[in-house]
Amino acid sequence: MTDWPEARSDDNRGGRYGRGSGSAQPEGARVMRQVRRGPAAPAGQGAYGGVPQQPSYVDGQGHGGSDGYDSGYNTGQVYGRPGGGGPGGPGGGPGSGPRPAPDWRRRIKWTAITVVTVLVVTTVGTYFWADSKLNRDVDLSTVVDRPEKGEGTNYLIVGSDSREGMSDEDKKKLHTGSAEGKRTDSMMILHTGDNGPTLISLPRDSNVTIPEFKGSESGKSRPAMGANKLNAAYSIDGPTLLVRTVEFNTGLHIDHYVEIGFGGFASIVDAVGGVEMDIPQDIKDTKSGADFKKGKQTLNGEEALAFVRTRYALAGSDLDRTKNQQKFLSALANQVATPGTVLNPFKLYPTMGAGLDSLVVDQDMGLFDLAGMFWAMKGVSGGEGKSMNMPIAGSAGNGNLQWDMPKVKQLVEQLKNDEKVTVSGN
């Protein structure tokens, strides 16, 4: 006899030891039986009063036989809160269910749409902002007796000594002086086409004929003036007479006109963060303010303006100056077109703003035309094109520079036909 209820003798345990035996002896490593919860027994009922009646195990193995009882050992089932649901299972609390897998395709799709929309809006907005800042003040339709248009595109690029918008302090700092009116310090023809760009400097002291013209403001006709310096045409009646004079003396049709003044030039250089130049010799010129040592250095706006204006300290005077101007403008275009400028809004917008505010162009000039011009100048500095001076035969009787007309005619024919330029200049 034992104190344990429903005691069995040890002989009856047999192979069922630890598997639902009713023995009073402790069982080592005994697996806890699963108990199916059900309605609580009424108070006062049960073997020990208040203790729920335990399920019967009819097969002696701890299984319920035909009632379909599942021990739960094969499913990893654990007991949770009433209702059969644990956290994340049926009957669990609010928000305890499994989170659905993220729809990455949908997320990527909407992210791409958002990025593209922002880029399109920014690009369109930038285009209209930049287009509105172009000063289209030159009407080339008023130029008369024009040569027939050839292949490719020809830009006349002019650097003027305009001091418009400059304070007295700026004029002193940049060594520009305070002369009234406007003159041209540099003139270049940039040809773009299928055989690479060609940049040709026209010396300001070139001996040319200023053809007859009608004054843009007075409306009065003026006779032709022979044996004049090329830059006199600009001083007399501005851009349109300069274009007419270049076309008359070369026979080359000018498609677009671009002009920049002293202050604008310096502002562009400063906005882009300076331009690196390899200066071939020591230069000191009190008139332009140039004071450079030989070698590579980065020029700011003030230094750049002094560099491109210097001629008295150079052996070749204006011819050497035009070569320096070509080198610098090509280097500037190359700097503007670098990813460090184009992809950096803190550089791009100030550079565009400074450049567009200071440029004067013809009425047909568009932003794509302007971008094509800068890209072609970048190509010149990268070795994809050619830079040269207009071929010079020597000095004329009045001291001006006389063009080598046979070479000039050959050069113009090659440009008109968009052929590779083989003519060499000074």
Protein backbone atom coordinates (compact mmCIF):
# COMPACT_ATOMS: atom_id res chain seq x y z
CA MET A 1 0.00 0.00 0.00
CA THR A 2 1.23 3.42 -0.82
CA ASP A 3 0.10 6.95 -0.18
CA TRP A 4 0.08 7.75 -3.93
CA PRO A 5 -3.38 7.57 -5.54
CA GLU A 6 -4.07 4.80 -7.99
CA ALA A 7 -0.87 3.12 -7.03
CA ARG A 8 0.40 0.16 -9.00
CA SER A 9 2.95 -2.37 -8.11
CA ASP A 10 6.38 -2.04 -9.62
CA ASP A 11 5.82 -5.23 -11.52
CA ASN A 12 3.11 -3.64 -13.57
CA ARG A 13 5.27 -0.85 -14.92
CA GLY A 14 7.02 -2.98 -17.45
CA GLY A 15 8.03 -1.16 -20.61
CA ARG A 16 5.59 1.62 -19.89
CA TYR A 17 7.80 3.22 -17.25
CA GLY A 18 7.81 6.93 -17.79
CA ARG A 19 4.99 6.68 -20.33
CA GLY A 20 1.87 7.37 -18.30
CA SER A 21 2.48 4.90 -15.48
CA GLY A 22 0.45 5.40 -12.39
CA SER A 23 3.39 4.42 -10.20
CA ALA A 24 3.98 6.30 -7.04
CA GLN A 25 7.68 6.34 -7.68
CA PRO A 26 9.36 9.40 -9.14
CA GLU A 27 10.12 9.01 -12.82
CA GLY A 28 13.38 10.26 -14.22
CA ALA A 29 13.35 12.18 -17.50
CA ARG A 30 9.64 11.74 -17.64
CA VAL A 31 7.94 13.60 -20.42
CA MET A 32 5.18 15.89 -19.26
CA ARG A 33 1.86 14.79 -20.53
CA GLN A 34 -0.11 17.16 -22.69
CA VAL A 35 -3.42 18.04 -21.13
CA ARG A 36 -6.25 19.21 -23.27
CA ARG A 37 -7.93 22.13 -21.65
CA GLY A 38 -11.69 22.11 -21.48
CA PRO A 39 -14.54 23.48 -19.44
CA ALA A 40 -13.77 23.63 -15.75
CA ALA A 41 -15.59 21.12 -13.57
CA PRO A 42 -18.32 22.48 -11.35
CA ALA A 43 -17.25 23.47 -7.89
CA GLY A 44 -17.08 20.56 -5.49
CA GLN A 45 -16.59 17.95 -8.14
CA GLY A 46 -13.51 16.08 -9.09
CA ALA A 47 -11.28 13.73 -7.21
CA TYR A 48 -10.01 16.33 -4.85
CA GLY A 49 -12.67 18.98 -4.97
CA GLY A 50 -11.95 22.05 -7.05
CA VAL A 51 -9.29 20.27 -9.08
CA PRO A 52 -10.31 19.80 -12.69
CA GLN A 53 -10.90 16.25 -13.71
CA GLN A 54 -7.93 14.88 -15.63
CA PRO A 55 -8.42 13.32 -19.01
CA SER A 56 -8.53 9.57 -19.31
CA TYR A 57 -5.86 7.66 -21.15
CA VAL A 58 -7.64 4.66 -22.48
CA ASP A 59 -4.73 3.07 -24.25
CA GLY A 60 -2.41 3.26 -21.34
CA GLN A 61 0.05 5.24 -23.42
CA GLY A 62 -1.12 8.70 -22.52
CA HIS A 63 -3.18 9.00 -25.75
CA GLY A 64 -6.82 9.62 -26.03
CA GLY A 65 -7.49 6.98 -28.61
CA SER A 66 -10.39 7.82 -30.84
CA ASP A 67 -10.87 11.37 -29.58
CA GLY A 68 -8.09 12.53 -31.91
CA TYR A 69 -5.91 14.00 -29.16
CA ASP A 70 -2.58 15.29 -30.49
CA SER A 71 0.34 15.44 -28.11
CA GLY A 72 1.81 18.42 -29.98
CA TYR A 73 5.30 17.00 -29.83
CA ASN A 74 5.70 16.90 -33.66
CA THR A 75 4.46 20.45 -34.27
CA GLY A 76 6.42 22.40 -31.70
CA GLN A 77 3.13 23.62 -30.23
CA VAL A 78 3.41 25.70 -27.10
CA TYR A 79 0.72 26.87 -24.79
CA GLY A 80 -0.28 30.47 -24.95
CA ARG A 81 -3.18 32.53 -23.92
CA PRO A 82 -6.71 31.09 -23.86
CA GLY A 83 -8.22 30.54 -27.25
CA GLY A 84 -5.30 28.48 -28.47
CA GLY A 85 -3.34 31.44 -29.83
CA GLY A 86 0.11 32.45 -28.82
CA PRO A 87 1.83 35.60 -29.91
CA GLY A 88 1.51 35.89 -33.64
CA GLY A 89 -0.97 33.00 -33.84
CA PRO A 90 -4.73 32.75 -34.18
CA GLY A 91 -6.45 34.47 -31.37
CA GLY A 92 -3.43 36.61 -30.51
CA GLY A 93 -3.72 40.22 -29.48
CA PRO A 94 -4.09 43.15 -31.90
CA GLY A 95 -1.05 43.79 -34.12
CA SER A 96 0.54 40.50 -33.09
CA GLY A 97 0.14 38.84 -36.50
CA PRO A 98 3.07 38.30 -38.90
CA ARG A 99 4.13 41.41 -40.87
CA PRO A 100 3.70 41.06 -44.63
CA ALA A 101 6.87 40.95 -46.71
CA PRO A 102 7.71 44.38 -48.27
CA ASP A 103 6.82 44.80 -51.92
CA TRP A 104 10.26 45.82 -53.21
CA ARG A 105 9.18 46.03 -56.83
CA ARG A 106 6.54 48.59 -55.95
CA ARG A 107 8.93 50.58 -53.77
CA ILE A 108 11.63 50.67 -56.44
CA LYS A 109 9.08 51.67 -59.07
CA TRP A 110 7.78 54.65 -57.09
CA THR A 111 11.26 55.70 -56.04
CA ALA A 112 12.36 55.73 -59.69
CA ILE A 113 9.27 57.70 -60.71
CA THR A 114 9.93 60.27 -57.97
CA VAL A 115 13.60 60.69 -58.91
CA VAL A 116 12.83 61.05 -62.62
CA THR A 117 10.07 63.58 -61.89
CA VAL A 118 12.39 65.70 -59.73
CA LEU A 119 15.12 65.60 -62.38
CA VAL A 120 12.72 66.58 -65.17
CA VAL A 121 11.22 69.45 -63.17
CA THR A 122 14.68 70.69 -62.14
CA THR A 123 16.04 70.46 -65.69
CA VAL A 124 13.06 72.25 -67.24
CA GLY A 125 13.13 74.92 -64.54
CA THR A 126 16.87 75.46 -64.99
CA TYR A 127 16.46 75.73 -68.76
CA PHE A 128 13.82 78.45 -68.58
CA TRP A 129 15.72 80.28 -65.84
CA ALA A 130 18.93 80.27 -67.88
CA ASP A 131 17.16 81.14 -71.14
CA SER A 132 15.55 84.17 -69.52
CA LYS A 133 18.96 85.53 -68.47
CA LEU A 134 20.46 85.65 -71.98
CA ASN A 135 20.89 89.21 -73.25
CA ARG A 136 19.83 88.84 -76.89
CA ASP A 137 20.62 92.42 -77.89
CA VAL A 138 22.27 91.92 -81.30
CA ASP A 139 20.06 91.72 -84.38
CA LEU A 140 22.08 90.12 -87.18
CA SER A 141 19.12 90.46 -89.54
CA THR A 142 20.09 94.13 -90.00
CA VAL A 143 23.49 93.18 -91.46
CA VAL A 144 23.40 93.67 -95.26
CA ASP A 145 25.20 92.09 -98.23
CA ARG A 146 25.99 88.93 -96.33
CA PRO A 147 28.00 86.00 -97.76
CA GLU A 148 26.22 82.73 -98.45
CA LYS A 149 26.05 80.40 -95.48
CA GLY A 150 28.40 77.42 -95.62
CA GLU A 151 28.62 74.11 -93.78
CA GLY A 152 29.05 74.03 -90.02
CA THR A 153 28.53 76.93 -87.61
CA ASN A 154 30.63 80.09 -87.19
CA TYR A 155 30.66 82.09 -83.96
CA LEU A 156 32.21 85.54 -83.67
CA ILE A 157 33.45 85.77 -80.06
CA VAL A 158 34.30 89.26 -78.83
CA GLY A 159 35.95 90.39 -75.62
CA SER A 160 35.06 94.03 -75.04
CA ASP A 161 36.42 96.55 -72.57
CA SER A 162 32.91 97.30 -71.37
CA ARG A 163 32.91 98.50 -67.78
CA GLU A 164 29.15 98.37 -67.43
CA GLY A 165 28.07 97.63 -63.86
CA MET A 166 31.58 98.05 -62.46
CA SER A 167 32.21 100.31 -59.47
CA ASP A 168 35.21 102.64 -59.24
CA GLU A 169 36.78 100.15 -56.84
CA ASP A 170 36.30 97.32 -59.37
CA LYS A 171 37.87 99.39 -62.14
CA LYS A 172 40.88 100.13 -59.98
CA LYS A 173 41.23 96.54 -58.84
CA LEU A 174 41.02 95.14 -62.38
CA HIS A 175 43.21 97.89 -63.93
CA THR A 176 40.55 98.69 -66.52
CA GLY A 177 40.70 102.46 -66.46
CA SER A 178 37.58 104.58 -66.91
CA ALA A 179 37.46 105.27 -70.66
CA GLU A 180 34.01 106.02 -72.04
CA GLY A 181 32.38 103.86 -74.67
CA LYS A 182 33.33 100.31 -75.65
CA ARG A 183 36.18 98.82 -77.65
CA THR A 184 37.22 95.28 -78.48
CA ASP A 185 40.27 93.77 -76.87
CA SER A 186 39.90 90.42 -78.63
CA MET A 187 38.02 88.93 -81.58
CA MET A 188 37.89 85.27 -82.57
CA ILE A 189 36.06 83.10 -85.06
CA LEU A 190 35.11 79.66 -83.75
CA HIS A 191 34.09 77.18 -86.44
CA THR A 192 32.34 73.95 -85.41
CA GLY A 193 31.58 71.06 -87.74
CA ASP A 194 32.33 67.43 -88.56
CA ASN A 195 36.10 67.86 -88.70
CA GLY A 196 36.66 69.26 -85.24
CA PRO A 197 36.53 72.86 -84.03
CA THR A 198 38.85 75.58 -85.31
CA LEU A 199 39.54 78.72 -83.26
CA ILE A 200 40.97 81.66 -85.23
CA SER A 201 42.08 84.91 -83.58
CA LEU A 202 41.64 88.16 -85.48
CA PRO A 203 44.27 90.68 -84.28
CA ARG A 204 42.66 93.96 -83.29
CA ASP A 205 45.22 95.85 -85.39
CA SER A 206 44.37 93.92 -88.58
CA ASN A 207 44.35 96.19 -91.64
CA VAL A 208 40.83 95.97 -93.11
CA THR A 209 38.23 97.89 -95.09
CA ILE A 210 35.15 98.98 -93.17
CA PRO A 211 32.37 98.70 -95.77
CA GLU A 212 29.62 101.22 -96.30
CA PHE A 213 26.82 100.89 -93.78
CA LYS A 214 23.77 102.56 -92.34
CA GLY A 215 24.15 103.76 -88.77
CA SER A 216 22.20 101.60 -86.36
CA GLU A 217 21.07 104.64 -84.35
CA SER A 218 21.29 107.54 -86.79
CA GLY A 219 19.94 105.64 -89.79
CA LYS A 220 22.34 107.58 -92.01
CA SER A 221 24.42 105.86 -94.69
CA ARG A 222 28.18 106.12 -94.36
CA PRO A 223 30.70 105.41 -97.11
CA ALA A 224 33.33 102.67 -96.93
CA MET A 225 36.51 103.40 -95.00
CA GLY A 226 39.65 101.61 -96.19
CA ALA A 227 42.87 100.93 -94.30
CA ASN A 228 41.39 100.87 -90.84
CA LYS A 229 42.06 98.71 -87.81
CA LEU A 230 39.53 95.93 -87.36
CA ASN A 231 38.51 97.02 -83.86
CA ALA A 232 37.55 100.46 -85.23
CA ALA A 233 34.40 98.94 -86.73
CA TYR A 234 33.13 98.03 -83.26
CA SER A 235 33.97 101.47 -81.89
CA ILE A 236 32.12 103.19 -84.74
CA ASP A 237 28.82 101.30 -84.72
CA GLY A 238 29.00 98.29 -82.41
CA PRO A 239 28.45 94.57 -83.02
CA THR A 240 26.50 94.67 -86.28
CA LEU A 241 29.14 96.76 -88.09
CA LEU A 242 31.86 94.50 -86.71
CA VAL A 243 30.06 91.44 -88.09
CA ARG A 244 29.59 93.15 -91.45
CA THR A 245 33.30 94.12 -91.54
CA VAL A 246 34.48 90.56 -90.73
CA GLU A 247 32.16 89.07 -93.35
CA PHE A 248 33.17 91.68 -95.95
CA ASN A 249 36.91 91.07 -95.51
CA THR A 250 36.79 87.28 -95.18
CA GLY A 251 33.76 86.17 -97.21
CA LEU A 252 32.75 83.91 -94.28
CA HIS A 253 29.16 83.93 -93.02
CA ILE A 254 28.85 84.57 -89.24
CA ASP A 255 26.01 82.58 -87.67
CA HIS A 256 26.19 83.75 -84.05
CA TYR A 257 27.64 86.63 -82.06
CA VAL A 258 28.88 86.36 -78.45
CA GLU A 259 30.37 89.22 -76.41
CA ILE A 260 31.64 89.45 -72.85
CA GLY A 261 32.94 92.46 -70.91
CA PHE A 262 35.72 92.88 -68.35
CA GLY A 263 33.59 92.43 -65.23
CA GLY A 264 31.68 89.44 -66.56
CA PHE A 265 34.85 87.66 -67.58
CA ALA A 266 36.36 87.99 -64.09
CA SER A 267 33.09 86.89 -62.45
CA ILE A 268 32.92 83.68 -64.48
CA VAL A 269 36.49 82.76 -63.55
CA ASP A 270 35.81 83.37 -59.85
CA ALA A 271 32.51 81.45 -59.96
CA VAL A 272 34.19 78.37 -61.42
CA GLY A 273 36.86 78.48 -58.71
CA GLY A 274 39.76 79.74 -60.83
CA VAL A 275 41.46 78.31 -63.91
CA GLU A 276 44.80 76.51 -63.96
CA MET A 277 47.27 77.82 -66.53
CA ASP A 278 50.84 76.90 -67.41
CA ILE A 279 52.44 80.31 -67.99
CA PRO A 280 55.46 79.90 -70.28
CA GLN A 281 57.46 82.90 -69.01
CA ASP A 282 57.63 85.54 -66.31
CA ILE A 283 55.21 88.36 -67.13
CA LYS A 284 55.05 91.82 -65.59
CA ASP A 285 52.89 94.52 -67.13
CA THR A 286 51.85 97.61 -65.17
CA LYS A 287 49.13 98.56 -67.65
CA SER A 288 47.20 95.29 -67.34
CA GLY A 289 48.30 94.57 -63.77
CA ALA A 290 49.92 91.26 -64.75
CA ASP A 291 52.65 89.96 -62.44
CA PHE A 292 53.25 86.23 -63.00
CA LYS A 293 56.07 83.80 -62.55
CA LYS A 294 56.70 81.02 -65.04
CA GLY A 295 54.95 77.71 -64.33
CA LYS A 296 51.57 76.19 -63.46
CA GLN A 297 49.26 78.23 -61.28
CA THR A 298 45.56 78.82 -60.73
CA LEU A 299 44.38 82.28 -61.78
CA ASN A 300 41.45 84.01 -60.14
CA GLY A 301 39.23 86.49 -61.98
CA GLU A 302 41.48 89.50 -61.46
CA GLU A 303 44.62 87.61 -62.50
CA ALA A 304 42.90 86.00 -65.48
CA LEU A 305 41.78 89.36 -66.85
CA ALA A 306 45.31 90.74 -66.50
CA PHE A 307 46.72 87.68 -68.28
CA VAL A 308 44.46 87.89 -71.35
CA ARG A 309 44.91 91.68 -71.69
CA THR A 310 48.70 91.74 -71.49
CA ARG A 311 50.52 92.61 -74.72
CA TYR A 312 53.20 95.20 -73.93
CA ALA A 313 55.27 92.69 -71.96
CA LEU A 314 55.19 90.14 -74.80
CA ALA A 315 57.68 89.97 -77.66
CA GLY A 316 54.98 89.39 -80.26
CA SER A 317 52.69 92.06 -78.79
CA ASP A 318 49.11 91.53 -80.01
CA LEU A 319 49.91 88.27 -81.82
CA ASP A 320 51.25 86.72 -78.61
CA ARG A 321 48.33 88.12 -76.67
CA THR A 322 45.82 86.41 -78.97
CA LYS A 323 47.58 83.09 -78.40
CA ASN A 324 47.31 83.56 -74.64
CA GLN A 325 43.63 84.44 -75.01
CA GLN A 326 42.99 81.25 -76.96
CA LYS A 327 44.77 79.12 -74.37
CA PHE A 328 42.91 80.70 -71.50
CA LEU A 329 39.43 80.54 -73.05
CA SER A 330 39.93 76.89 -73.96
CA ALA A 331 41.11 76.15 -70.40
CA LEU A 332 38.12 78.03 -68.99
CA ALA A 333 35.68 76.08 -71.17
CA ASN A 334 37.36 72.85 -70.10
CA GLN A 335 36.99 73.82 -66.43
CA VAL A 336 33.32 74.73 -66.84
CA ALA A 337 32.58 71.38 -68.53
CA THR A 338 34.16 69.22 -65.78
CA PRO A 339 31.91 67.00 -63.58
CA GLY A 340 33.13 68.99 -60.57
CA THR A 341 31.30 72.03 -61.97
CA VAL A 342 28.39 70.49 -63.90
CA LEU A 343 27.35 68.08 -61.11
CA ASN A 344 27.89 70.54 -58.26
CA PRO A 345 24.92 72.93 -57.98
CA PHE A 346 26.94 75.21 -55.68
CA LYS A 347 29.34 75.81 -58.59
CA LEU A 348 27.07 75.28 -61.59
CA TYR A 349 24.41 77.88 -60.80
CA PRO A 350 26.82 80.67 -59.78
CA THR A 351 28.88 79.98 -62.91
CA MET A 352 25.81 79.99 -65.15
CA GLY A 353 24.46 83.09 -63.45
CA ALA A 354 27.73 85.01 -63.80
CA GLY A 355 28.19 83.96 -67.41
CA LEU A 356 24.64 84.51 -68.63
CA ASP A 357 24.34 87.88 -66.90
CA SER A 358 27.48 89.17 -68.61
CA LEU A 359 27.07 87.74 -72.12
CA VAL A 360 25.59 89.69 -75.01
CA VAL A 361 24.43 87.46 -77.87
CA ASP A 362 22.44 87.62 -81.08
CA GLN A 363 18.68 87.21 -81.11
CA ASP A 364 18.81 83.73 -82.63
CA MET A 365 21.23 82.35 -80.04
CA GLY A 366 19.79 79.54 -77.93
CA LEU A 367 21.16 77.75 -74.89
CA PHE A 368 22.03 74.71 -76.99
CA ASP A 369 23.99 76.94 -79.39
CA LEU A 370 25.85 78.43 -76.43
CA ALA A 371 26.53 74.99 -74.95
CA GLY A 372 27.80 73.82 -78.35
CA MET A 373 30.20 76.76 -78.44
CA PHE A 374 31.65 75.97 -75.01
CA TRP A 375 31.92 72.28 -75.85
CA ALA A 376 33.80 73.09 -79.06
CA MET A 377 36.22 75.34 -77.15
CA LYS A 378 36.77 72.52 -74.69
CA GLY A 379 37.61 70.31 -77.68
CA VAL A 380 40.24 72.79 -78.83
CA SER A 381 42.04 72.58 -75.49
CA GLY A 382 41.72 68.78 -75.52
CA GLY A 383 43.53 68.46 -78.83
CA GLU A 384 40.42 67.61 -80.86
CA GLY A 385 40.61 70.87 -82.84
CA LYS A 386 42.98 73.57 -83.96
CA SER A 387 43.76 77.09 -82.75
CA MET A 388 45.61 79.69 -84.83
CA ASN A 389 45.93 83.37 -85.72
CA MET A 390 44.66 84.73 -88.98
CA PRO A 391 47.58 84.34 -91.45
CA ILE A 392 49.65 87.54 -91.48
CA ALA A 393 51.91 88.66 -94.35
CA GLY A 394 53.53 91.53 -92.45
CA SER A 395 52.89 95.15 -91.61
CA ALA A 396 50.93 97.49 -93.87
CA GLY A 397 52.16 101.00 -94.72
CA ASN A 398 50.09 102.47 -91.87
CA GLY A 399 51.60 100.11 -89.30
CA ASN A 400 48.58 97.78 -89.18
CA LEU A 401 48.90 94.02 -89.64
CA GLN A 402 48.31 92.91 -93.24
CA TRP A 403 46.60 89.56 -93.77
CA ASP A 404 48.10 86.97 -96.10
CA MET A 405 45.15 87.00 -98.49
CA PRO A 406 45.96 83.83 -100.51
CA LYS A 407 46.10 81.86 -97.24
CA VAL A 408 43.03 83.62 -95.92
CA LYS A 409 41.02 82.62 -99.01
CA GLN A 410 42.17 79.00 -98.69
CA LEU A 411 41.28 78.99 -95.00
CA VAL A 412 37.82 80.43 -95.64
CA GLU A 413 37.10 77.84 -98.36
CA GLN A 414 38.02 75.02 -96.01
CA LEU A 415 35.76 76.44 -93.32
CA LYS A 416 32.86 76.99 -95.73
CA ASN A 417 33.06 73.37 -96.89
CA ASP A 418 33.65 72.14 -93.33
CA GLU A 419 36.90 70.53 -94.38
CA LYS A 420 39.90 69.79 -92.17
CA VAL A 421 41.90 73.01 -91.84
CA THR A 422 45.43 72.64 -93.24
CA VAL A 423 46.33 76.34 -93.40
CA SER A 424 48.70 77.54 -90.68
CA GLY A 425 48.58 80.95 -89.04
CA ASN A 426 51.04 83.12 -87.16
